[in-house]
Amino acid sequence: MSIGKLSGGHQAAVMVMAMSTNDENGNVLVTGSKDHYIKVFGVPEYAAGVHTPKFSLDPPHYDGIQSLAIHGNSLFSGSRDTCIKKWDLAEKKLKFSMNQAHKDWVEALQLLPEQNCLLSGGRDGYLKVWNCDNCALVGEIRAHSSPINAIATNSSAIFTASNDQTIGVWKPRNNLSALVMDAGEDERIA
């Protein structure tokens, strides 16, 4: 049974969503679309009724949004334009733009909050690690020969799902500030 709808947000297909429950005004749902825009919705506890966006983030990406990750008041967006952007949701503004973060679409983003790192996966098959504060590239590895579609983490490993029909399992070195992934510890599961 449908109880509500988020409306008036996008002019093209919505490709990705991320939820934050840290907002003092309740839950915040962030959406990314093929229309190049990111919209931020305030969502009450049961989301009943029709809700319109609280605001949009400007400037938009140059192509469709493929991935989102939220860490506190920071939002990271990855796009088909090969760029990763860091936004401040409280100030509603762009903080950093990592142009040409990948050689092709940025398909997946995942945070390692305990390490203050952002992971990105691209259509180029690379897994990259970025410092969340200054957005500097910390490390990278050619994880797959095909696009990386999703990234997940737990306390000891990073998982990458790819078009090559495998899931890579990566064990980062202890000090992510000097990270170079241990390629020798790569395991693939079908």
N, C-alpha and C. Protein backbone atom coordinates (compact mmCIF):
# COMPACT_ATOMS: atom_id res chain seq x y z
N MET A 1 0.84 -1.17 0.00
CA MET A 1 0.00 0.00 0.00
C MET A 1 0.89 1.24 0.00
N SER A 2 0.74 2.09 -0.98
CA SER A 2 1.50 3.33 -1.07
C SER A 2 0.93 4.35 -0.10
N ILE A 3 1.82 5.03 0.63
CA ILE A 3 1.35 6.04 1.59
C ILE A 3 1.82 7.45 1.22
N GLY A 4 2.74 7.54 0.25
CA GLY A 4 3.25 8.86 -0.09
C GLY A 4 4.00 8.84 -1.40
N LYS A 5 4.44 10.05 -1.79
CA LYS A 5 5.15 10.20 -3.06
C LYS A 5 6.05 11.43 -2.97
N LEU A 6 7.25 11.29 -3.53
CA LEU A 6 8.14 12.43 -3.69
C LEU A 6 7.95 12.90 -5.11
N SER A 7 7.55 14.14 -5.28
CA SER A 7 7.13 14.62 -6.59
C SER A 7 7.79 15.94 -6.94
N GLY A 8 7.82 16.23 -8.23
CA GLY A 8 8.32 17.52 -8.69
C GLY A 8 9.83 17.65 -8.64
N GLY A 9 10.50 16.52 -8.56
CA GLY A 9 11.93 16.58 -8.39
C GLY A 9 12.74 16.58 -9.67
N HIS A 10 12.47 15.65 -10.57
CA HIS A 10 13.38 15.44 -11.70
C HIS A 10 12.64 15.46 -13.03
N GLN A 11 13.41 15.72 -14.09
CA GLN A 11 12.88 15.75 -15.45
C GLN A 11 13.30 14.52 -16.25
N ALA A 12 13.96 13.57 -15.61
CA ALA A 12 14.40 12.33 -16.27
C ALA A 12 14.44 11.23 -15.21
N ALA A 13 14.84 10.04 -15.63
CA ALA A 13 14.86 8.88 -14.74
C ALA A 13 15.71 9.14 -13.50
N VAL A 14 15.18 8.74 -12.35
CA VAL A 14 15.92 8.80 -11.09
C VAL A 14 16.77 7.53 -11.02
N MET A 15 18.08 7.69 -10.91
CA MET A 15 19.00 6.56 -10.99
C MET A 15 19.50 6.07 -9.63
N VAL A 16 19.52 6.96 -8.62
CA VAL A 16 20.14 6.59 -7.35
C VAL A 16 19.53 7.42 -6.22
N MET A 17 19.54 6.83 -5.01
CA MET A 17 19.06 7.52 -3.81
C MET A 17 20.01 7.23 -2.65
N ALA A 18 20.03 8.15 -1.69
CA ALA A 18 20.77 7.95 -0.45
C ALA A 18 19.97 8.59 0.68
N MET A 19 19.97 7.97 1.84
CA MET A 19 19.20 8.45 2.98
C MET A 19 20.13 8.87 4.11
N SER A 20 19.78 9.99 4.75
CA SER A 20 20.49 10.43 5.94
C SER A 20 19.47 10.65 7.04
N THR A 21 19.80 10.16 8.21
CA THR A 21 18.91 10.36 9.36
C THR A 21 19.52 11.32 10.36
N ASN A 22 20.56 12.06 9.95
CA ASN A 22 21.26 12.97 10.85
C ASN A 22 20.71 14.39 10.82
N ASP A 23 19.77 14.67 9.96
CA ASP A 23 19.24 16.02 9.83
C ASP A 23 18.37 16.37 11.03
N GLU A 24 18.56 17.56 11.58
CA GLU A 24 17.77 17.96 12.75
C GLU A 24 16.30 18.12 12.43
N ASN A 25 15.95 18.21 11.15
CA ASN A 25 14.55 18.33 10.74
C ASN A 25 13.93 17.00 10.35
N GLY A 26 14.59 15.91 10.63
CA GLY A 26 14.08 14.60 10.26
C GLY A 26 14.96 13.95 9.21
N ASN A 27 14.43 12.92 8.59
CA ASN A 27 15.17 12.20 7.57
C ASN A 27 15.30 13.03 6.30
N VAL A 28 16.42 12.84 5.62
CA VAL A 28 16.66 13.52 4.34
C VAL A 28 16.93 12.44 3.30
N LEU A 29 16.21 12.50 2.19
CA LEU A 29 16.44 11.60 1.07
C LEU A 29 17.02 12.42 -0.07
N VAL A 30 18.17 11.97 -0.58
CA VAL A 30 18.84 12.64 -1.69
C VAL A 30 18.68 11.77 -2.92
N THR A 31 18.31 12.39 -4.04
CA THR A 31 18.10 11.65 -5.29
C THR A 31 18.99 12.21 -6.39
N GLY A 32 19.44 11.33 -7.27
CA GLY A 32 20.24 11.72 -8.42
C GLY A 32 19.60 11.18 -9.68
N SER A 33 19.64 11.97 -10.74
CA SER A 33 18.90 11.63 -11.95
C SER A 33 19.73 11.77 -13.21
N LYS A 34 19.21 11.20 -14.28
CA LYS A 34 19.80 11.38 -15.60
C LYS A 34 19.69 12.83 -16.07
N ASP A 35 18.86 13.64 -15.39
CA ASP A 35 18.74 15.06 -15.75
C ASP A 35 19.90 15.91 -15.24
N HIS A 36 20.92 15.26 -14.62
CA HIS A 36 22.16 15.87 -14.14
C HIS A 36 22.01 16.51 -12.75
N TYR A 37 20.80 16.51 -12.19
CA TYR A 37 20.55 17.22 -10.93
C TYR A 37 20.46 16.28 -9.73
N ILE A 38 20.78 16.87 -8.58
CA ILE A 38 20.63 16.22 -7.28
C ILE A 38 19.58 17.01 -6.52
N LYS A 39 18.57 16.31 -6.00
CA LYS A 39 17.49 16.93 -5.24
C LYS A 39 17.54 16.40 -3.81
N VAL A 40 17.20 17.26 -2.86
CA VAL A 40 17.18 16.90 -1.45
C VAL A 40 15.75 17.07 -0.93
N PHE A 41 15.21 15.97 -0.41
CA PHE A 41 13.85 15.94 0.12
C PHE A 41 13.88 15.77 1.63
N GLY A 42 13.05 16.50 2.34
CA GLY A 42 12.81 16.23 3.75
C GLY A 42 11.71 15.19 3.82
N VAL A 43 11.96 14.10 4.54
CA VAL A 43 10.99 13.01 4.59
C VAL A 43 10.61 12.75 6.04
N PRO A 44 9.34 13.01 6.40
CA PRO A 44 8.90 12.72 7.76
C PRO A 44 8.92 11.21 8.04
N GLU A 45 8.75 10.85 9.27
CA GLU A 45 8.88 9.46 9.72
C GLU A 45 8.12 8.46 8.85
N TYR A 46 6.87 8.74 8.52
CA TYR A 46 6.09 7.78 7.72
C TYR A 46 5.89 8.24 6.28
N ALA A 47 6.42 9.38 5.89
CA ALA A 47 6.44 9.89 4.52
C ALA A 47 5.06 9.92 3.85
N ALA A 48 4.00 10.03 4.63
CA ALA A 48 2.67 10.07 4.04
C ALA A 48 2.46 11.38 3.29
N GLY A 49 1.73 11.31 2.20
CA GLY A 49 1.42 12.49 1.41
C GLY A 49 2.41 12.73 0.29
N VAL A 50 2.27 13.87 -0.35
CA VAL A 50 3.14 14.24 -1.47
C VAL A 50 4.18 15.24 -0.96
N HIS A 51 5.46 14.98 -1.27
CA HIS A 51 6.55 15.83 -0.81
C HIS A 51 7.33 16.36 -2.00
N THR A 52 7.67 17.62 -1.97
CA THR A 52 8.48 18.23 -3.01
C THR A 52 9.89 18.47 -2.45
N PRO A 53 10.87 18.68 -3.32
CA PRO A 53 12.25 18.85 -2.84
C PRO A 53 12.40 20.08 -1.95
N LYS A 54 13.26 19.95 -0.92
CA LYS A 54 13.63 21.10 -0.10
C LYS A 54 14.52 22.03 -0.91
N PHE A 55 15.46 21.43 -1.69
CA PHE A 55 16.35 22.21 -2.54
C PHE A 55 17.06 21.30 -3.54
N SER A 56 17.65 21.92 -4.54
CA SER A 56 18.50 21.25 -5.52
C SER A 56 19.93 21.73 -5.29
N LEU A 57 20.88 20.91 -5.67
CA LEU A 57 22.28 21.29 -5.53
C LEU A 57 22.78 21.82 -6.88
N ASP A 58 23.40 23.00 -6.85
CA ASP A 58 23.93 23.64 -8.05
C ASP A 58 25.40 23.96 -7.84
N PRO A 59 26.22 23.88 -8.87
CA PRO A 59 25.86 23.58 -10.26
C PRO A 59 25.67 22.08 -10.47
N PRO A 60 24.82 21.70 -11.45
CA PRO A 60 24.60 20.28 -11.70
C PRO A 60 25.83 19.64 -12.34
N HIS A 61 25.83 18.32 -12.37
CA HIS A 61 26.84 17.59 -13.12
C HIS A 61 26.60 17.84 -14.62
N TYR A 62 27.57 17.48 -15.44
CA TYR A 62 27.44 17.63 -16.89
C TYR A 62 26.78 16.43 -17.55
N ASP A 63 26.50 15.40 -16.76
CA ASP A 63 25.82 14.21 -17.27
C ASP A 63 25.08 13.56 -16.10
N GLY A 64 24.43 12.44 -16.33
CA GLY A 64 23.60 11.79 -15.33
C GLY A 64 24.34 11.36 -14.08
N ILE A 65 23.62 11.37 -12.96
CA ILE A 65 24.16 10.96 -11.66
C ILE A 65 24.02 9.44 -11.56
N GLN A 66 25.10 8.76 -11.20
CA GLN A 66 25.12 7.31 -11.10
C GLN A 66 25.27 6.80 -9.67
N SER A 67 25.81 7.63 -8.76
CA SER A 67 26.09 7.14 -7.42
C SER A 67 26.08 8.29 -6.42
N LEU A 68 25.68 7.96 -5.17
CA LEU A 68 25.64 8.92 -4.07
C LEU A 68 26.12 8.24 -2.79
N ALA A 69 26.74 9.02 -1.90
CA ALA A 69 27.12 8.54 -0.57
C ALA A 69 27.06 9.72 0.39
N ILE A 70 26.48 9.51 1.57
CA ILE A 70 26.34 10.57 2.58
C ILE A 70 27.17 10.23 3.79
N HIS A 71 27.90 11.25 4.29
CA HIS A 71 28.70 11.12 5.51
C HIS A 71 28.50 12.40 6.31
N GLY A 72 27.64 12.33 7.35
CA GLY A 72 27.32 13.54 8.13
C GLY A 72 26.62 14.56 7.24
N ASN A 73 27.16 15.78 7.19
CA ASN A 73 26.62 16.82 6.32
C ASN A 73 27.24 16.81 4.93
N SER A 74 28.13 15.87 4.67
CA SER A 74 28.78 15.79 3.36
C SER A 74 28.07 14.77 2.48
N LEU A 75 27.85 15.18 1.24
CA LEU A 75 27.30 14.29 0.22
C LEU A 75 28.32 14.19 -0.90
N PHE A 76 28.56 12.97 -1.36
CA PHE A 76 29.43 12.75 -2.52
C PHE A 76 28.56 12.23 -3.65
N SER A 77 28.76 12.78 -4.85
CA SER A 77 28.00 12.34 -6.02
C SER A 77 28.96 11.94 -7.13
N GLY A 78 28.65 10.83 -7.79
CA GLY A 78 29.44 10.36 -8.91
C GLY A 78 28.57 10.36 -10.15
N SER A 79 29.17 10.72 -11.28
CA SER A 79 28.39 10.95 -12.48
C SER A 79 28.99 10.30 -13.71
N ARG A 80 28.19 10.25 -14.75
CA ARG A 80 28.64 9.82 -16.07
C ARG A 80 29.65 10.80 -16.65
N ASP A 81 29.74 11.99 -16.08
CA ASP A 81 30.71 12.99 -16.56
C ASP A 81 32.12 12.74 -16.04
N THR A 82 32.36 11.61 -15.40
CA THR A 82 33.65 11.16 -14.83
C THR A 82 34.07 11.94 -13.59
N CYS A 83 33.18 12.71 -13.04
CA CYS A 83 33.49 13.61 -11.93
C CYS A 83 32.86 13.10 -10.64
N ILE A 84 33.55 13.33 -9.52
CA ILE A 84 32.98 13.14 -8.19
C ILE A 84 32.93 14.52 -7.55
N LYS A 85 31.77 14.86 -6.99
CA LYS A 85 31.61 16.15 -6.31
C LYS A 85 31.32 15.92 -4.83
N LYS A 86 31.88 16.81 -4.01
CA LYS A 86 31.59 16.81 -2.57
C LYS A 86 30.75 18.04 -2.27
N TRP A 87 29.61 17.81 -1.65
CA TRP A 87 28.66 18.87 -1.32
C TRP A 87 28.52 19.00 0.19
N ASP A 88 28.26 20.22 0.66
CA ASP A 88 27.90 20.45 2.05
C ASP A 88 26.39 20.62 2.09
N LEU A 89 25.69 19.66 2.68
CA LEU A 89 24.23 19.71 2.71
C LEU A 89 23.70 20.81 3.62
N ALA A 90 24.40 21.14 4.69
CA ALA A 90 23.95 22.21 5.58
C ALA A 90 24.04 23.57 4.89
N GLU A 91 25.14 23.78 4.16
CA GLU A 91 25.33 25.05 3.44
C GLU A 91 24.72 25.03 2.04
N LYS A 92 24.30 23.85 1.58
CA LYS A 92 23.68 23.68 0.26
C LYS A 92 24.61 24.12 -0.87
N LYS A 93 25.90 23.76 -0.75
CA LYS A 93 26.82 24.21 -1.78
C LYS A 93 27.93 23.20 -2.06
N LEU A 94 28.52 23.37 -3.23
CA LEU A 94 29.62 22.53 -3.68
C LEU A 94 30.89 22.91 -2.94
N LYS A 95 31.60 21.89 -2.42
CA LYS A 95 32.86 22.12 -1.72
C LYS A 95 34.07 21.74 -2.57
N PHE A 96 34.01 20.58 -3.26
CA PHE A 96 35.10 20.11 -4.11
C PHE A 96 34.53 19.46 -5.35
N SER A 97 35.29 19.53 -6.42
CA SER A 97 34.96 18.80 -7.63
C SER A 97 36.20 18.06 -8.08
N MET A 98 36.14 16.74 -8.06
CA MET A 98 37.26 15.93 -8.53
C MET A 98 36.99 15.58 -9.99
N ASN A 99 37.42 16.47 -10.88
CA ASN A 99 37.20 16.29 -12.30
C ASN A 99 38.05 15.14 -12.81
N GLN A 100 37.50 14.38 -13.73
CA GLN A 100 38.17 13.21 -14.29
C GLN A 100 38.65 12.26 -13.18
N ALA A 101 37.78 12.04 -12.20
CA ALA A 101 38.10 11.11 -11.11
C ALA A 101 38.34 9.70 -11.66
N HIS A 102 37.62 9.35 -12.70
CA HIS A 102 37.80 8.10 -13.42
C HIS A 102 37.86 8.41 -14.90
N LYS A 103 38.30 7.44 -15.69
CA LYS A 103 38.38 7.64 -17.14
C LYS A 103 37.03 7.44 -17.82
N ASP A 104 36.05 6.97 -17.07
CA ASP A 104 34.71 6.73 -17.59
C ASP A 104 33.73 7.00 -16.44
N TRP A 105 32.46 6.63 -16.60
CA TRP A 105 31.45 6.91 -15.59
C TRP A 105 31.88 6.48 -14.20
N VAL A 106 31.48 7.27 -13.20
CA VAL A 106 31.67 6.89 -11.79
C VAL A 106 30.40 6.14 -11.39
N GLU A 107 30.50 4.82 -11.33
CA GLU A 107 29.34 3.95 -11.14
C GLU A 107 28.97 3.71 -9.68
N ALA A 108 29.94 3.73 -8.77
CA ALA A 108 29.68 3.34 -7.39
C ALA A 108 30.49 4.19 -6.42
N LEU A 109 29.88 4.53 -5.30
CA LEU A 109 30.54 5.22 -4.19
C LEU A 109 30.19 4.51 -2.89
N GLN A 110 31.15 4.43 -2.00
CA GLN A 110 30.93 3.84 -0.68
C GLN A 110 31.88 4.51 0.31
N LEU A 111 31.41 4.76 1.51
CA LEU A 111 32.24 5.40 2.53
C LEU A 111 32.87 4.39 3.47
N LEU A 112 34.07 4.72 3.91
CA LEU A 112 34.72 4.02 5.02
C LEU A 112 34.84 5.06 6.14
N PRO A 113 33.74 5.31 6.87
CA PRO A 113 33.73 6.41 7.84
C PRO A 113 34.79 6.29 8.93
N GLU A 114 35.08 5.07 9.37
CA GLU A 114 36.09 4.90 10.42
C GLU A 114 37.48 5.26 9.90
N GLN A 115 37.67 5.26 8.60
CA GLN A 115 38.95 5.63 7.99
C GLN A 115 38.90 7.01 7.34
N ASN A 116 37.71 7.65 7.34
CA ASN A 116 37.52 8.95 6.71
C ASN A 116 37.90 8.90 5.23
N CYS A 117 37.48 7.81 4.56
CA CYS A 117 37.80 7.61 3.15
C CYS A 117 36.54 7.34 2.35
N LEU A 118 36.58 7.75 1.08
CA LEU A 118 35.54 7.48 0.11
C LEU A 118 36.10 6.51 -0.92
N LEU A 119 35.36 5.46 -1.22
CA LEU A 119 35.73 4.52 -2.27
C LEU A 119 34.90 4.84 -3.51
N SER A 120 35.53 4.78 -4.68
CA SER A 120 34.79 4.97 -5.92
C SER A 120 35.13 3.84 -6.88
N GLY A 121 34.12 3.42 -7.62
CA GLY A 121 34.30 2.40 -8.65
C GLY A 121 33.81 2.94 -9.97
N GLY A 122 34.58 2.71 -11.01
CA GLY A 122 34.25 3.28 -12.30
C GLY A 122 34.01 2.24 -13.37
N ARG A 123 33.48 2.73 -14.46
CA ARG A 123 33.31 1.89 -15.64
C ARG A 123 34.66 1.47 -16.20
N ASP A 124 35.71 2.16 -15.78
CA ASP A 124 37.08 1.83 -16.21
C ASP A 124 37.66 0.64 -15.46
N GLY A 125 36.91 0.08 -14.48
CA GLY A 125 37.38 -1.08 -13.72
C GLY A 125 38.25 -0.74 -12.53
N TYR A 126 38.52 0.55 -12.30
CA TYR A 126 39.38 0.96 -11.20
C TYR A 126 38.58 1.17 -9.92
N LEU A 127 39.16 0.75 -8.81
CA LEU A 127 38.70 1.05 -7.46
C LEU A 127 39.65 2.10 -6.92
N LYS A 128 39.10 3.25 -6.51
CA LYS A 128 39.94 4.34 -6.01
C LYS A 128 39.53 4.71 -4.60
N VAL A 129 40.49 5.23 -3.84
CA VAL A 129 40.27 5.66 -2.46
C VAL A 129 40.62 7.14 -2.36
N TRP A 130 39.70 7.92 -1.77
CA TRP A 130 39.84 9.37 -1.66
C TRP A 130 39.76 9.78 -0.20
N ASN A 131 40.51 10.79 0.20
CA ASN A 131 40.39 11.37 1.53
C ASN A 131 39.09 12.18 1.57
N CYS A 132 38.24 11.93 2.55
CA CYS A 132 36.94 12.62 2.64
C CYS A 132 37.08 14.12 2.91
N ASP A 133 38.13 14.53 3.61
CA ASP A 133 38.28 15.93 3.96
C ASP A 133 38.75 16.79 2.79
N ASN A 134 39.90 16.43 2.21
CA ASN A 134 40.48 17.27 1.16
C ASN A 134 40.29 16.70 -0.25
N CYS A 135 39.62 15.54 -0.35
CA CYS A 135 39.30 14.90 -1.62
C CYS A 135 40.54 14.51 -2.43
N ALA A 136 41.67 14.32 -1.76
CA ALA A 136 42.89 13.89 -2.44
C ALA A 136 42.82 12.39 -2.71
N LEU A 137 43.35 11.97 -3.86
CA LEU A 137 43.44 10.56 -4.18
C LEU A 137 44.46 9.90 -3.27
N VAL A 138 44.05 8.84 -2.58
CA VAL A 138 44.91 8.15 -1.63
C VAL A 138 45.51 6.89 -2.25
N GLY A 139 44.73 6.20 -3.08
CA GLY A 139 45.21 4.97 -3.71
C GLY A 139 44.24 4.48 -4.75
N GLU A 140 44.72 3.57 -5.60
CA GLU A 140 43.87 3.00 -6.63
C GLU A 140 44.42 1.65 -7.06
N ILE A 141 43.54 0.84 -7.63
CA ILE A 141 43.95 -0.45 -8.18
C ILE A 141 43.00 -0.80 -9.32
N ARG A 142 43.53 -1.43 -10.34
CA ARG A 142 42.69 -1.97 -11.42
C ARG A 142 42.04 -3.22 -10.85
N ALA A 143 40.81 -3.09 -10.40
CA ALA A 143 40.13 -4.16 -9.69
C ALA A 143 39.46 -5.16 -10.63
N HIS A 144 39.01 -4.68 -11.77
CA HIS A 144 38.29 -5.53 -12.72
C HIS A 144 38.63 -5.10 -14.14
N SER A 145 38.41 -6.01 -15.07
CA SER A 145 38.60 -5.69 -16.49
C SER A 145 37.34 -5.11 -17.10
N SER A 146 36.27 -5.06 -16.32
CA SER A 146 34.98 -4.52 -16.74
C SER A 146 34.51 -3.49 -15.71
N PRO A 147 33.41 -2.78 -15.99
CA PRO A 147 32.91 -1.78 -15.05
C PRO A 147 32.62 -2.33 -13.66
N ILE A 148 32.88 -1.50 -12.65
CA ILE A 148 32.50 -1.79 -11.27
C ILE A 148 31.12 -1.18 -11.07
N ASN A 149 30.14 -2.00 -10.71
CA ASN A 149 28.76 -1.55 -10.58
C ASN A 149 28.35 -1.21 -9.15
N ALA A 150 29.03 -1.81 -8.17
CA ALA A 150 28.65 -1.58 -6.78
C ALA A 150 29.85 -1.87 -5.87
N ILE A 151 29.86 -1.19 -4.73
CA ILE A 151 30.89 -1.40 -3.70
C ILE A 151 30.19 -1.57 -2.36
N ALA A 152 30.65 -2.53 -1.57
CA ALA A 152 30.18 -2.73 -0.20
C ALA A 152 31.39 -2.96 0.68
N THR A 153 31.25 -2.68 1.96
CA THR A 153 32.36 -2.88 2.90
C THR A 153 31.86 -3.50 4.19
N ASN A 154 32.79 -4.14 4.89
CA ASN A 154 32.56 -4.51 6.28
C ASN A 154 33.81 -4.10 7.05
N SER A 155 33.99 -4.59 8.24
CA SER A 155 35.11 -4.12 9.06
C SER A 155 36.47 -4.57 8.56
N SER A 156 36.50 -5.56 7.65
CA SER A 156 37.80 -6.06 7.22
C SER A 156 38.01 -6.18 5.72
N ALA A 157 36.98 -5.92 4.92
CA ALA A 157 37.13 -6.12 3.48
C ALA A 157 36.31 -5.13 2.68
N ILE A 158 36.70 -4.99 1.42
CA ILE A 158 35.98 -4.19 0.44
C ILE A 158 35.53 -5.15 -0.65
N PHE A 159 34.26 -5.06 -1.05
CA PHE A 159 33.70 -5.93 -2.07
C PHE A 159 33.34 -5.09 -3.30
N THR A 160 33.72 -5.55 -4.47
CA THR A 160 33.40 -4.85 -5.72
C THR A 160 32.65 -5.80 -6.65
N ALA A 161 31.49 -5.36 -7.13
CA ALA A 161 30.69 -6.15 -8.06
C ALA A 161 30.90 -5.60 -9.47
N SER A 162 31.10 -6.50 -10.43
CA SER A 162 31.50 -6.05 -11.76
C SER A 162 30.71 -6.72 -12.88
N ASN A 163 30.76 -6.09 -14.05
CA ASN A 163 30.18 -6.67 -15.26
C ASN A 163 30.91 -7.95 -15.67
N ASP A 164 32.11 -8.19 -15.15
CA ASP A 164 32.86 -9.40 -15.52
C ASP A 164 32.33 -10.64 -14.79
N GLN A 165 31.17 -10.49 -14.13
CA GLN A 165 30.45 -11.57 -13.45
C GLN A 165 31.17 -12.07 -12.21
N THR A 166 32.02 -11.22 -11.62
CA THR A 166 32.71 -11.58 -10.39
C THR A 166 32.49 -10.52 -9.33
N ILE A 167 32.75 -10.94 -8.11
CA ILE A 167 32.78 -10.01 -6.98
C ILE A 167 34.19 -10.08 -6.42
N GLY A 168 34.90 -8.96 -6.48
CA GLY A 168 36.25 -8.92 -5.92
C GLY A 168 36.19 -8.67 -4.43
N VAL A 169 37.05 -9.34 -3.69
CA VAL A 169 37.15 -9.15 -2.24
C VAL A 169 38.55 -8.61 -1.98
N TRP A 170 38.63 -7.42 -1.42
CA TRP A 170 39.90 -6.72 -1.26
C TRP A 170 40.16 -6.46 0.21
N LYS A 171 41.37 -6.71 0.60
CA LYS A 171 41.79 -6.41 1.97
C LYS A 171 42.75 -5.22 1.89
N PRO A 172 42.32 -4.06 2.37
CA PRO A 172 43.23 -2.91 2.34
C PRO A 172 44.34 -3.08 3.36
N ARG A 173 45.45 -2.47 3.08
CA ARG A 173 46.52 -2.45 4.08
C ARG A 173 46.03 -1.70 5.29
N ASN A 174 46.67 -1.91 6.43
CA ASN A 174 46.21 -1.32 7.69
C ASN A 174 46.10 0.18 7.64
N ASN A 175 47.05 0.85 7.04
CA ASN A 175 47.06 2.31 7.03
C ASN A 175 46.51 2.81 5.70
N LEU A 176 45.23 3.18 5.68
CA LEU A 176 44.61 3.64 4.44
C LEU A 176 45.16 4.98 3.98
N SER A 177 45.82 5.73 4.87
CA SER A 177 46.38 7.00 4.43
C SER A 177 47.55 6.78 3.47
N ALA A 178 48.08 5.58 3.44
CA ALA A 178 49.14 5.25 2.49
C ALA A 178 48.72 4.02 1.68
N LEU A 179 47.43 3.98 1.36
CA LEU A 179 46.85 2.78 0.77
C LEU A 179 47.32 2.51 -0.64
N VAL A 180 47.76 1.31 -0.84
CA VAL A 180 47.83 0.70 -2.15
C VAL A 180 47.23 -0.67 -1.91
N MET A 181 46.16 -1.00 -2.57
CA MET A 181 45.47 -2.25 -2.31
C MET A 181 46.41 -3.43 -2.51
N ASP A 182 46.25 -4.42 -1.70
CA ASP A 182 47.03 -5.64 -1.82
C ASP A 182 46.43 -6.51 -2.91
N ALA A 183 46.92 -6.34 -4.13
CA ALA A 183 46.37 -7.08 -5.27
C ALA A 183 46.59 -8.57 -5.10
N GLY A 184 47.63 -8.98 -4.41
CA GLY A 184 47.90 -10.38 -4.20
C GLY A 184 46.86 -11.05 -3.32
N GLU A 185 46.10 -10.27 -2.58
CA GLU A 185 45.09 -10.85 -1.70
C GLU A 185 43.71 -10.80 -2.32
N ASP A 186 43.66 -10.48 -3.61
CA ASP A 186 42.39 -10.43 -4.33
C ASP A 186 41.80 -11.83 -4.44
N GLU A 187 40.54 -11.94 -4.09
CA GLU A 187 39.80 -13.18 -4.30
C GLU A 187 38.58 -12.83 -5.12
N ARG A 188 38.22 -13.69 -6.03
CA ARG A 188 37.01 -13.47 -6.82
C ARG A 188 36.02 -14.57 -6.52
N ILE A 189 34.77 -14.18 -6.38
CA ILE A 189 33.73 -15.17 -6.22
C ILE A 189 32.69 -14.95 -7.32
N ALA A 190 32.21 -16.02 -7.88
CA ALA A 190 31.24 -15.92 -8.98
C ALA A 190 29.85 -15.68 -8.43
